[in-house]
Amino acid sequence: MKVTNKLWVGLAVLILISPIGLILPEVLKAGSAWGEWGLDELKEIVGYVPSGMAKLAELWNAPLPDYAFRGWERASLFHQGLAYVVSAVVGTALVAGITILIGRVLARRER
């Protein structure tokens, strides 16, 4: 099997198991994943919100916030898992597409 095929298989496996991120925090009573806190959670954990974060918090809104579609925040675990998988596919496709595009542009410059 070619190295690139192994890469795609590995990415597919990671995409398919991404809904584990929904299950483990519940089972382990862990709350949000480390580093993925919102301003409200950060204030609860640390006691304050850094001024830079508060000022820039509304600058960027993720296309799939919390890895879910708008309105699916309270959906069933199956639907939330499906949204996780779709989010992973979209993210992987964007990163792969941009990487391939940059690679082609750089390859043309070398000719």
C-alpha atoms as a PDB file:
ATOM      1  CA  MET A   1       0.000   0.000   0.000  1.00  0.00           C
ATOM      2  CA  LYS A   2       1.359   3.438  -0.937  1.00  0.00           C
ATOM      3  CA  VAL A   3       2.195   5.877   1.831  1.00  0.00           C
ATOM      4  CA  THR A   4      -0.479   8.319   0.659  1.00  0.00           C
ATOM      5  CA  ASN A   5      -3.114   5.581   0.768  1.00  0.00           C
ATOM      6  CA  LYS A   6      -2.080   4.754   4.330  1.00  0.00           C
ATOM      7  CA  LEU A   7      -2.427   8.438   5.169  1.00  0.00           C
ATOM      8  CA  TRP A   8      -5.973   8.581   3.790  1.00  0.00           C
ATOM      9  CA  VAL A   9      -6.956   5.370   5.603  1.00  0.00           C
ATOM     10  CA  GLY A  10      -5.558   6.786   8.847  1.00  0.00           C
ATOM     11  CA  LEU A  11      -7.444  10.046   8.362  1.00  0.00           C
ATOM     12  CA  ALA A  12     -10.661   8.136   7.616  1.00  0.00           C
ATOM     13  CA  VAL A  13     -10.283   6.132  10.828  1.00  0.00           C
ATOM     14  CA  LEU A  14      -9.701   9.319  12.834  1.00  0.00           C
ATOM     15  CA  ILE A  15     -12.744  10.928  11.220  1.00  0.00           C
ATOM     16  CA  LEU A  16     -14.932   7.940  12.044  1.00  0.00           C
ATOM     17  CA  ILE A  17     -13.846   7.809  15.689  1.00  0.00           C
ATOM     18  CA  SER A  18     -14.144  11.586  16.209  1.00  0.00           C
ATOM     19  CA  PRO A  19     -17.527  11.228  17.980  1.00  0.00           C
ATOM     20  CA  ILE A  20     -15.603   9.730  20.915  1.00  0.00           C
ATOM     21  CA  GLY A  21     -15.130  13.389  21.845  1.00  0.00           C
ATOM     22  CA  LEU A  22     -18.840  13.465  22.683  1.00  0.00           C
ATOM     23  CA  ILE A  23     -18.851  10.329  24.799  1.00  0.00           C
ATOM     24  CA  LEU A  24     -15.665  10.576  26.888  1.00  0.00           C
ATOM     25  CA  PRO A  25     -16.378  13.944  28.548  1.00  0.00           C
ATOM     26  CA  GLU A  26     -19.710  12.553  29.761  1.00  0.00           C
ATOM     27  CA  VAL A  27     -18.244   9.281  31.002  1.00  0.00           C
ATOM     28  CA  LEU A  28     -15.220  10.890  32.668  1.00  0.00           C
ATOM     29  CA  LYS A  29     -17.111  13.986  33.900  1.00  0.00           C
ATOM     30  CA  ALA A  30     -14.413  16.030  32.187  1.00  0.00           C
ATOM     31  CA  GLY A  31     -16.411  18.942  30.799  1.00  0.00           C
ATOM     32  CA  SER A  32     -15.043  20.401  27.584  1.00  0.00           C
ATOM     33  CA  ALA A  33     -11.958  19.164  25.808  1.00  0.00           C
ATOM     34  CA  TRP A  34      -8.766  20.815  27.063  1.00  0.00           C
ATOM     35  CA  GLY A  35      -8.252  24.182  25.434  1.00  0.00           C
ATOM     36  CA  GLU A  36     -11.700  24.344  23.830  1.00  0.00           C
ATOM     37  CA  TRP A  37     -13.331  26.422  26.536  1.00  0.00           C
ATOM     38  CA  GLY A  38     -15.701  29.241  25.770  1.00  0.00           C
ATOM     39  CA  LEU A  39     -15.414  32.541  27.622  1.00  0.00           C
ATOM     40  CA  ASP A  40     -18.021  31.450  30.168  1.00  0.00           C
ATOM     41  CA  GLU A  41     -16.182  28.192  30.922  1.00  0.00           C
ATOM     42  CA  LEU A  42     -12.845  29.993  31.115  1.00  0.00           C
ATOM     43  CA  LYS A  43     -14.240  32.462  33.642  1.00  0.00           C
ATOM     44  CA  GLU A  44     -15.541  29.557  35.719  1.00  0.00           C
ATOM     45  CA  ILE A  45     -12.213  27.671  35.592  1.00  0.00           C
ATOM     46  CA  VAL A  46      -9.731  30.539  35.968  1.00  0.00           C
ATOM     47  CA  GLY A  47     -11.891  33.157  37.632  1.00  0.00           C
ATOM     48  CA  TYR A  48     -11.590  35.798  34.907  1.00  0.00           C
ATOM     49  CA  VAL A  49     -11.471  36.242  31.150  1.00  0.00           C
ATOM     50  CA  PRO A  50      -8.238  37.718  29.745  1.00  0.00           C
ATOM     51  CA  SER A  51      -8.976  41.129  28.227  1.00  0.00           C
ATOM     52  CA  GLY A  52      -7.490  40.208  24.841  1.00  0.00           C
ATOM     53  CA  MET A  53      -9.722  37.147  24.575  1.00  0.00           C
ATOM     54  CA  ALA A  54     -12.799  39.122  25.592  1.00  0.00           C
ATOM     55  CA  LYS A  55     -11.998  41.839  23.052  1.00  0.00           C
ATOM     56  CA  LEU A  56     -11.397  39.428  20.162  1.00  0.00           C
ATOM     57  CA  ALA A  57     -13.981  36.759  21.025  1.00  0.00           C
ATOM     58  CA  GLU A  58     -16.536  37.899  18.456  1.00  0.00           C
ATOM     59  CA  LEU A  59     -13.983  38.455  15.690  1.00  0.00           C
ATOM     60  CA  TRP A  60     -14.243  34.862  14.442  1.00  0.00           C
ATOM     61  CA  ASN A  61     -17.222  32.543  14.353  1.00  0.00           C
ATOM     62  CA  ALA A  62     -16.527  28.963  13.369  1.00  0.00           C
ATOM     63  CA  PRO A  63     -18.471  27.630  10.362  1.00  0.00           C
ATOM     64  CA  LEU A  64     -19.463  24.583  12.444  1.00  0.00           C
ATOM     65  CA  PRO A  65     -19.397  25.844  16.046  1.00  0.00           C
ATOM     66  CA  ASP A  66     -18.937  23.057  18.602  1.00  0.00           C
ATOM     67  CA  TYR A  67     -18.594  20.706  15.605  1.00  0.00           C
ATOM     68  CA  ALA A  68     -22.357  20.819  15.095  1.00  0.00           C
ATOM     69  CA  PHE A  69     -24.897  22.409  12.819  1.00  0.00           C
ATOM     70  CA  ARG A  70     -26.773  25.409  14.154  1.00  0.00           C
ATOM     71  CA  GLY A  71     -29.818  24.183  16.042  1.00  0.00           C
ATOM     72  CA  TRP A  72     -28.367  20.708  16.683  1.00  0.00           C
ATOM     73  CA  GLU A  73     -26.831  21.585  20.061  1.00  0.00           C
ATOM     74  CA  ARG A  74     -29.516  19.579  21.858  1.00  0.00           C
ATOM     75  CA  ALA A  75     -29.938  16.898  19.187  1.00  0.00           C
ATOM     76  CA  SER A  76     -29.586  13.189  19.894  1.00  0.00           C
ATOM     77  CA  LEU A  77     -26.140  11.694  20.406  1.00  0.00           C
ATOM     78  CA  PHE A  78     -26.394  10.042  16.970  1.00  0.00           C
ATOM     79  CA  HIS A  79     -27.069  13.374  15.241  1.00  0.00           C
ATOM     80  CA  GLN A  80     -24.307  15.114  17.186  1.00  0.00           C
ATOM     81  CA  GLY A  81     -21.918  12.301  16.221  1.00  0.00           C
ATOM     82  CA  LEU A  82     -22.950  12.685  12.594  1.00  0.00           C
ATOM     83  CA  ALA A  83     -22.219  16.417  12.822  1.00  0.00           C
ATOM     84  CA  TYR A  84     -18.759  15.602  14.281  1.00  0.00           C
ATOM     85  CA  VAL A  85     -18.024  13.340  11.313  1.00  0.00           C
ATOM     86  CA  VAL A  86     -19.257  15.945   8.799  1.00  0.00           C
ATOM     87  CA  SER A  87     -17.158  18.602  10.547  1.00  0.00           C
ATOM     88  CA  ALA A  88     -14.088  16.353  10.354  1.00  0.00           C
ATOM     89  CA  VAL A  89     -14.682  15.623   6.653  1.00  0.00           C
ATOM     90  CA  VAL A  90     -15.108  19.335   5.860  1.00  0.00           C
ATOM     91  CA  GLY A  91     -11.981  20.276   7.823  1.00  0.00           C
ATOM     92  CA  THR A  92      -9.913  17.504   6.264  1.00  0.00           C
ATOM     93  CA  ALA A  93     -11.109  18.397   2.757  1.00  0.00           C
ATOM     94  CA  LEU A  94     -10.283  22.081   3.272  1.00  0.00           C
ATOM     95  CA  VAL A  95      -6.797  21.407   4.631  1.00  0.00           C
ATOM     96  CA  ALA A  96      -6.048  18.801   1.943  1.00  0.00           C
ATOM     97  CA  GLY A  97      -7.388  21.044  -0.818  1.00  0.00           C
ATOM     98  CA  ILE A  98      -5.383  24.066   0.303  1.00  0.00           C
ATOM     99  CA  THR A  99      -2.252  21.944   0.720  1.00  0.00           C
ATOM    100  CA  ILE A 100      -2.608  20.445  -2.773  1.00  0.00           C
ATOM    101  CA  LEU A 101      -3.259  23.887  -4.263  1.00  0.00           C
ATOM    102  CA  ILE A 102      -0.173  25.389  -2.603  1.00  0.00           C
ATOM    103  CA  GLY A 103       1.889  22.378  -3.704  1.00  0.00           C
ATOM    104  CA  ARG A 104       0.829  22.812  -7.323  1.00  0.00           C
ATOM    105  CA  VAL A 105       1.558  26.541  -7.290  1.00  0.00           C
ATOM    106  CA  LEU A 106       5.014  25.946  -5.830  1.00  0.00           C
ATOM    107  CA  ALA A 107       5.708  23.118  -8.298  1.00  0.00           C
ATOM    108  CA  ARG A 108       4.854  25.394 -11.242  1.00  0.00           C
ATOM    109  CA  ARG A 109       7.214  28.078  -9.964  1.00  0.00           C
ATOM    110  CA  GLU A 110      10.102  25.612  -9.969  1.00  0.00           C
ATOM    111  CA  ARG A 111       9.640  24.761 -13.660  1.00  0.00           C
END
